[in-house]
N, C-alpha and C. Protein backbone atom coordinates (compact mmCIF):
# COMPACT_ATOMS: atom_id res chain seq x y z
N MET A 1 -31.83 -42.60 -25.95
CA MET A 1 -31.75 -43.54 -25.03
C MET A 1 -32.40 -42.89 -23.61
N ARG A 2 -33.39 -43.75 -23.35
CA ARG A 2 -34.08 -43.62 -22.07
C ARG A 2 -33.37 -43.60 -20.91
N ARG A 3 -33.70 -42.68 -19.86
CA ARG A 3 -33.04 -42.99 -18.87
C ARG A 3 -34.29 -43.47 -17.87
N PRO A 4 -33.83 -44.26 -16.75
CA PRO A 4 -34.59 -44.93 -15.81
C PRO A 4 -35.12 -43.90 -14.94
N ASN A 5 -36.55 -44.41 -14.55
CA ASN A 5 -37.15 -43.23 -13.82
C ASN A 5 -36.81 -43.05 -12.29
N TRP A 6 -35.86 -43.57 -12.09
CA TRP A 6 -35.35 -43.50 -10.53
C TRP A 6 -33.88 -42.64 -10.98
N PHE A 7 -33.53 -42.44 -12.09
CA PHE A 7 -32.52 -41.47 -12.35
C PHE A 7 -32.99 -40.21 -11.82
N CYS A 8 -34.17 -39.37 -11.95
CA CYS A 8 -34.74 -38.04 -11.89
C CYS A 8 -34.69 -38.16 -10.22
N SER A 9 -35.04 -38.81 -9.74
CA SER A 9 -35.41 -38.98 -8.34
C SER A 9 -34.02 -38.91 -7.75
N VAL A 10 -32.93 -39.70 -8.01
CA VAL A 10 -31.64 -39.48 -7.57
C VAL A 10 -30.76 -37.94 -7.49
N ALA A 11 -31.19 -37.32 -9.04
CA ALA A 11 -30.54 -36.37 -9.07
C ALA A 11 -31.22 -35.25 -8.34
N VAL A 12 -32.30 -35.13 -8.05
CA VAL A 12 -33.23 -34.24 -7.60
C VAL A 12 -32.94 -34.75 -5.88
N LEU A 13 -32.24 -35.81 -5.24
CA LEU A 13 -32.24 -35.71 -4.10
C LEU A 13 -30.80 -35.38 -3.83
N THR A 14 -29.86 -35.48 -4.64
CA THR A 14 -28.62 -35.29 -4.90
C THR A 14 -28.44 -33.60 -4.60
N LEU A 15 -28.98 -32.70 -5.23
CA LEU A 15 -29.22 -31.63 -5.37
C LEU A 15 -29.72 -31.19 -4.25
N ALA A 16 -30.59 -31.62 -3.69
CA ALA A 16 -31.35 -30.96 -2.31
C ALA A 16 -30.34 -31.53 -1.04
N LEU A 17 -29.52 -32.49 -1.10
CA LEU A 17 -28.75 -32.56 -0.05
C LEU A 17 -27.49 -31.50 -0.30
N ALA A 18 -27.12 -31.23 -1.71
CA ALA A 18 -26.16 -30.42 -1.84
C ALA A 18 -26.30 -29.14 -1.36
N LEU A 19 -27.37 -28.60 -1.66
CA LEU A 19 -27.97 -27.02 -1.30
C LEU A 19 -28.59 -27.01 0.03
N SER A 20 -28.70 -28.11 0.68
CA SER A 20 -29.55 -27.73 2.31
C SER A 20 -28.12 -27.43 2.86
N ARG A 21 -28.60 -26.71 4.31
CA ARG A 21 -27.72 -26.25 5.29
C ARG A 21 -27.56 -27.34 6.32
N PRO A 22 -26.42 -27.70 7.04
CA PRO A 22 -26.74 -28.74 8.42
C PRO A 22 -27.59 -28.21 9.20
N ALA A 23 -27.94 -28.78 10.06
CA ALA A 23 -28.60 -28.38 11.35
C ALA A 23 -27.60 -27.71 12.55
N THR A 24 -26.63 -27.91 12.56
CA THR A 24 -25.56 -27.29 13.27
C THR A 24 -25.24 -25.92 12.99
N ALA A 25 -25.40 -25.47 11.67
CA ALA A 25 -25.38 -24.04 11.16
C ALA A 25 -26.56 -23.33 11.63
N GLN A 26 -27.84 -24.09 11.80
CA GLN A 26 -29.14 -23.37 12.18
C GLN A 26 -29.05 -23.26 13.80
N ALA A 27 -28.29 -23.92 14.58
CA ALA A 27 -28.74 -23.92 16.06
C ALA A 27 -27.95 -22.42 16.75
N PRO A 28 -28.69 -22.13 17.56
CA PRO A 28 -28.44 -20.77 18.36
C PRO A 28 -26.77 -20.74 18.71
N ALA A 29 -25.74 -19.56 18.32
CA ALA A 29 -24.93 -19.52 19.32
C ALA A 29 -24.46 -19.48 20.30
N ALA A 30 -23.45 -19.93 21.02
CA ALA A 30 -23.10 -19.61 22.11
C ALA A 30 -22.63 -18.21 22.61
N PRO A 31 -23.07 -18.08 23.71
CA PRO A 31 -22.96 -16.27 24.10
C PRO A 31 -21.31 -16.08 23.85
N ALA A 32 -20.91 -14.79 23.47
CA ALA A 32 -19.28 -14.86 23.43
C ALA A 32 -19.19 -13.97 24.82
N VAL A 33 -17.92 -14.69 25.33
CA VAL A 33 -17.22 -14.56 26.64
C VAL A 33 -16.62 -13.10 26.45
N ILE A 34 -16.75 -12.24 27.31
CA ILE A 34 -16.09 -10.63 27.16
C ILE A 34 -15.04 -10.90 28.18
N SER A 35 -14.26 -10.57 27.86
CA SER A 35 -12.73 -10.44 28.83
C SER A 35 -12.66 -8.90 29.11
N PRO A 36 -11.88 -8.88 30.10
CA PRO A 36 -11.48 -7.37 30.58
C PRO A 36 -10.83 -7.18 30.06
N ALA A 37 -10.48 -5.58 29.24
CA ALA A 37 -9.55 -4.79 29.02
C ALA A 37 -8.01 -4.99 29.54
N PRO A 38 -6.89 -5.27 28.78
CA PRO A 38 -5.63 -5.22 29.37
C PRO A 38 -5.24 -3.95 30.13
N SER A 39 -4.72 -4.01 31.23
CA SER A 39 -4.34 -2.78 32.09
C SER A 39 -2.93 -2.41 31.34
N VAL A 40 -1.94 -3.04 30.74
CA VAL A 40 -0.55 -2.70 30.06
C VAL A 40 -1.18 -2.45 28.86
N SER A 41 -0.38 -1.31 28.13
CA SER A 41 -0.39 -0.86 26.64
C SER A 41 0.69 -1.46 25.83
N TYR A 42 0.60 -1.72 24.76
CA TYR A 42 1.72 -2.64 24.08
C TYR A 42 1.63 -1.45 22.80
N ALA A 43 1.34 -0.20 22.73
CA ALA A 43 1.38 0.48 21.71
C ALA A 43 2.97 1.23 21.97
N PRO A 44 3.22 1.61 20.40
CA PRO A 44 4.56 1.89 20.47
C PRO A 44 5.14 3.20 21.38
N THR A 45 5.97 3.64 21.67
CA THR A 45 6.37 4.58 22.56
C THR A 45 7.32 5.55 22.00
N LEU A 46 7.30 6.56 22.12
CA LEU A 46 8.52 7.45 21.75
C LEU A 46 9.82 7.22 22.53
N ALA A 47 10.26 6.58 23.62
CA ALA A 47 11.12 6.08 24.20
C ALA A 47 11.57 4.88 23.58
N ALA A 48 10.71 4.23 22.99
CA ALA A 48 11.41 2.89 22.16
C ALA A 48 11.72 3.10 20.82
N THR A 49 11.68 4.09 20.72
CA THR A 49 12.20 4.51 18.93
C THR A 49 13.67 4.60 19.03
N ARG A 50 14.31 5.19 19.96
CA ARG A 50 15.88 5.24 20.27
C ARG A 50 16.43 3.95 20.85
N LEU A 51 17.43 3.59 19.81
CA LEU A 51 18.27 2.46 20.51
C LEU A 51 19.46 3.41 20.64
N GLY A 52 20.25 3.08 21.93
CA GLY A 52 21.26 3.86 22.16
C GLY A 52 21.53 5.18 22.69
N PHE A 53 22.45 5.60 22.72
CA PHE A 53 22.69 6.96 23.69
C PHE A 53 22.80 8.04 22.42
N SER A 54 21.83 9.07 22.85
CA SER A 54 22.15 10.18 21.78
C SER A 54 22.16 11.70 22.87
N ALA A 55 23.24 12.17 22.14
CA ALA A 55 23.39 13.68 22.69
C ALA A 55 22.78 14.62 22.36
N ASP A 56 22.10 14.59 21.33
CA ASP A 56 21.04 15.66 20.79
C ASP A 56 19.82 15.61 21.41
N GLU A 57 19.26 16.56 21.85
CA GLU A 57 17.96 16.54 22.48
C GLU A 57 17.03 16.89 21.14
N GLN A 58 17.23 17.30 19.95
CA GLN A 58 16.36 17.85 19.01
C GLN A 58 17.17 17.14 17.94
N ALA A 59 16.89 16.35 16.62
CA ALA A 59 17.56 16.18 15.53
C ALA A 59 17.20 17.45 14.53
N PRO A 60 18.37 17.58 13.94
CA PRO A 60 18.64 18.93 13.08
C PRO A 60 17.44 18.98 11.98
N LEU A 61 16.77 20.29 11.68
CA LEU A 61 15.78 20.27 11.05
C LEU A 61 16.20 20.30 9.62
N ALA A 62 17.44 20.74 9.15
CA ALA A 62 17.64 20.72 7.86
C ALA A 62 18.45 19.59 7.40
N VAL A 63 17.78 18.73 6.65
CA VAL A 63 18.71 17.43 6.37
C VAL A 63 19.47 17.65 5.22
N ASN A 64 19.33 18.71 4.37
CA ASN A 64 20.07 18.57 3.11
C ASN A 64 20.43 20.21 2.93
N ALA A 65 21.65 20.36 3.20
CA ALA A 65 21.88 21.89 2.98
C ALA A 65 21.64 22.79 1.66
N SER A 66 21.70 22.14 0.61
CA SER A 66 21.46 22.12 -0.55
C SER A 66 19.69 22.68 -0.98
N ALA A 67 19.10 21.56 -0.50
CA ALA A 67 17.53 21.46 -0.64
C ALA A 67 17.27 22.82 0.44
N ALA A 68 17.87 23.14 1.27
CA ALA A 68 17.14 24.13 2.54
C ALA A 68 17.40 25.32 1.85
N ARG A 69 18.29 25.67 0.83
CA ARG A 69 18.62 26.86 0.08
C ARG A 69 17.42 27.47 -0.86
N MET A 70 17.23 26.11 -1.64
CA MET A 70 16.39 26.42 -2.62
C MET A 70 14.35 26.59 -2.33
N GLY A 71 14.07 27.31 -2.92
CA GLY A 71 12.45 27.41 -2.63
C GLY A 71 11.48 26.73 -2.98
N ARG A 72 10.56 26.64 -2.89
CA ARG A 72 9.41 25.46 -3.18
C ARG A 72 8.97 25.93 -4.79
N ARG A 73 9.21 27.20 -4.91
CA ARG A 73 8.80 27.36 -6.90
C ARG A 73 10.13 26.57 -7.68
N GLU A 74 11.18 26.55 -6.88
CA GLU A 74 12.09 25.78 -7.57
C GLU A 74 12.43 24.40 -7.81
N GLY A 75 11.71 24.00 -6.75
CA GLY A 75 11.08 22.44 -6.79
C GLY A 75 10.44 22.07 -7.94
N ARG A 76 8.77 23.13 -7.72
CA ARG A 76 8.00 22.84 -8.59
C ARG A 76 8.75 22.78 -10.17
N ALA A 77 9.63 23.70 -10.36
CA ALA A 77 9.99 23.75 -11.90
C ALA A 77 10.80 22.43 -12.01
N LEU A 78 11.57 22.40 -10.99
CA LEU A 78 12.39 20.80 -11.44
C LEU A 78 11.35 19.75 -11.61
N ALA A 79 10.51 19.55 -10.84
CA ALA A 79 9.41 18.48 -10.97
C ALA A 79 8.77 18.41 -12.38
N LEU A 80 8.44 19.78 -12.87
CA LEU A 80 7.76 19.77 -14.17
C LEU A 80 8.90 19.83 -15.17
N VAL A 81 10.00 19.89 -15.18
CA VAL A 81 10.96 19.86 -16.17
C VAL A 81 11.36 18.17 -16.24
N GLY A 82 11.55 17.92 -15.25
CA GLY A 82 11.85 16.02 -15.18
C GLY A 82 10.50 15.28 -15.77
N GLY A 83 9.36 15.79 -15.44
CA GLY A 83 8.15 15.40 -16.19
C GLY A 83 8.24 15.22 -17.61
N ALA A 84 8.52 16.46 -18.12
CA ALA A 84 8.70 16.69 -19.40
C ALA A 84 9.48 15.69 -20.13
N ALA A 85 10.99 15.54 -19.55
CA ALA A 85 11.91 15.16 -19.96
C ALA A 85 11.55 13.60 -20.10
N VAL A 86 10.93 13.04 -19.16
CA VAL A 86 10.25 11.62 -19.32
C VAL A 86 9.32 11.62 -20.20
N ILE A 87 8.47 12.50 -20.65
CA ILE A 87 7.46 12.30 -21.84
C ILE A 87 8.59 12.33 -22.96
N ALA A 88 9.06 13.15 -23.05
CA ALA A 88 10.06 13.68 -24.27
C ALA A 88 10.87 11.92 -24.39
N GLY A 89 11.63 11.43 -23.30
CA GLY A 89 12.42 10.53 -23.70
C GLY A 89 11.26 9.11 -24.06
N ILE A 90 10.11 9.05 -23.59
CA ILE A 90 9.11 8.06 -24.19
C ILE A 90 9.24 8.11 -25.42
N LEU A 91 8.75 9.54 -25.95
CA LEU A 91 8.51 10.08 -27.44
C LEU A 91 9.69 9.60 -28.37
N ILE A 92 10.92 9.59 -27.88
CA ILE A 92 12.26 9.61 -28.77
C ILE A 92 12.25 8.19 -28.71
N GLY A 93 12.29 7.14 -27.73
CA GLY A 93 12.38 5.80 -27.95
C GLY A 93 13.98 5.92 -27.99
N GLU A 94 13.97 4.23 -27.98
CA GLU A 94 15.40 3.64 -28.16
C GLU A 94 16.24 3.86 -27.12
N ASP A 95 17.74 3.91 -27.26
CA ASP A 95 18.59 3.96 -25.91
C ASP A 95 18.64 5.13 -25.73
N ALA A 96 18.90 6.48 -26.77
CA ALA A 96 19.08 7.88 -26.21
C ALA A 96 17.52 8.16 -25.49
N GLY A 97 16.63 7.79 -25.98
CA GLY A 97 15.15 8.02 -25.14
C GLY A 97 15.09 7.62 -24.00
N THR A 98 15.59 6.41 -23.94
CA THR A 98 15.61 5.42 -22.27
C THR A 98 16.90 6.34 -21.58
N VAL A 99 18.02 6.81 -21.90
CA VAL A 99 18.57 8.04 -21.11
C VAL A 99 17.84 8.96 -20.86
N ILE A 100 17.13 9.72 -21.46
CA ILE A 100 16.81 11.10 -21.16
C ILE A 100 15.49 10.71 -20.36
N ALA A 101 14.53 9.73 -20.62
CA ALA A 101 13.56 9.38 -19.66
C ALA A 101 14.00 9.10 -17.99
N ILE A 102 15.50 8.48 -18.02
CA ILE A 102 15.83 8.31 -16.74
C ILE A 102 16.44 9.13 -15.85
N GLY A 103 17.07 10.22 -16.56
CA GLY A 103 17.39 11.48 -16.30
C GLY A 103 16.26 12.52 -15.79
N GLY A 104 15.18 12.31 -16.53
CA GLY A 104 14.05 13.17 -16.51
C GLY A 104 13.31 12.75 -15.40
N ALA A 105 13.41 11.52 -15.02
CA ALA A 105 12.75 10.94 -13.65
C ALA A 105 13.80 11.36 -12.20
N GLY A 106 14.79 11.21 -12.25
CA GLY A 106 15.71 11.55 -11.30
C GLY A 106 15.60 12.96 -11.26
N ILE A 107 15.52 14.17 -12.06
CA ILE A 107 15.46 15.34 -11.99
C ILE A 107 13.66 15.89 -11.54
N GLY A 108 12.69 14.88 -11.83
CA GLY A 108 11.69 15.13 -11.36
C GLY A 108 11.27 14.47 -9.98
N LEU A 109 11.90 13.90 -9.27
CA LEU A 109 11.94 13.12 -8.29
C LEU A 109 12.50 13.94 -7.10
N TYR A 110 13.71 14.49 -7.66
CA TYR A 110 14.51 15.63 -6.89
C TYR A 110 13.62 16.72 -6.45
N GLY A 111 12.87 17.29 -7.78
CA GLY A 111 12.15 18.49 -7.67
C GLY A 111 10.81 18.28 -6.63
N LEU A 112 10.52 17.03 -6.75
CA LEU A 112 9.32 16.67 -5.78
C LEU A 112 9.60 16.97 -4.42
N TYR A 113 11.12 16.38 -4.14
CA TYR A 113 11.57 16.24 -2.98
C TYR A 113 11.77 17.72 -2.36
N ILE A 114 11.94 18.59 -3.00
CA ILE A 114 12.36 20.34 -2.71
C ILE A 114 11.00 20.76 -2.65
N TRP A 115 10.01 20.50 -3.47
CA TRP A 115 8.82 20.99 -3.41
C TRP A 115 8.02 20.85 -2.37
N GLN A 116 7.86 19.35 -1.85
CA GLN A 116 7.44 18.67 -1.13
C GLN A 116 8.02 18.94 0.61
N ARG A 117 9.01 19.13 0.54
CA ARG A 117 9.62 19.03 1.89
C ARG A 117 8.84 20.34 2.89
């Protein structure tokens, strides 16, 4: 089947129109208007963090008394044992492995809490 001669001309014209950029995109941009900096700061402040009355000047430093008694080494050991229990639970599989993996995750996260405090 032979195409008419004008088919190629229409195809080239359509391709040229599709790939060309409009003249408005090539026009110079208007200069940007610079506005003065605001004099009021909208940044969060420490005074805005409190809601209500607080009798304490400082919050207590020890969040968890049992965690305060434990050392960093104990936390590291708990994190490692928890990680090993997760791996063992995955290797065991089935329902028992799932229970061991979830328990190991709990022990490991508590160990990370103690270790990183």
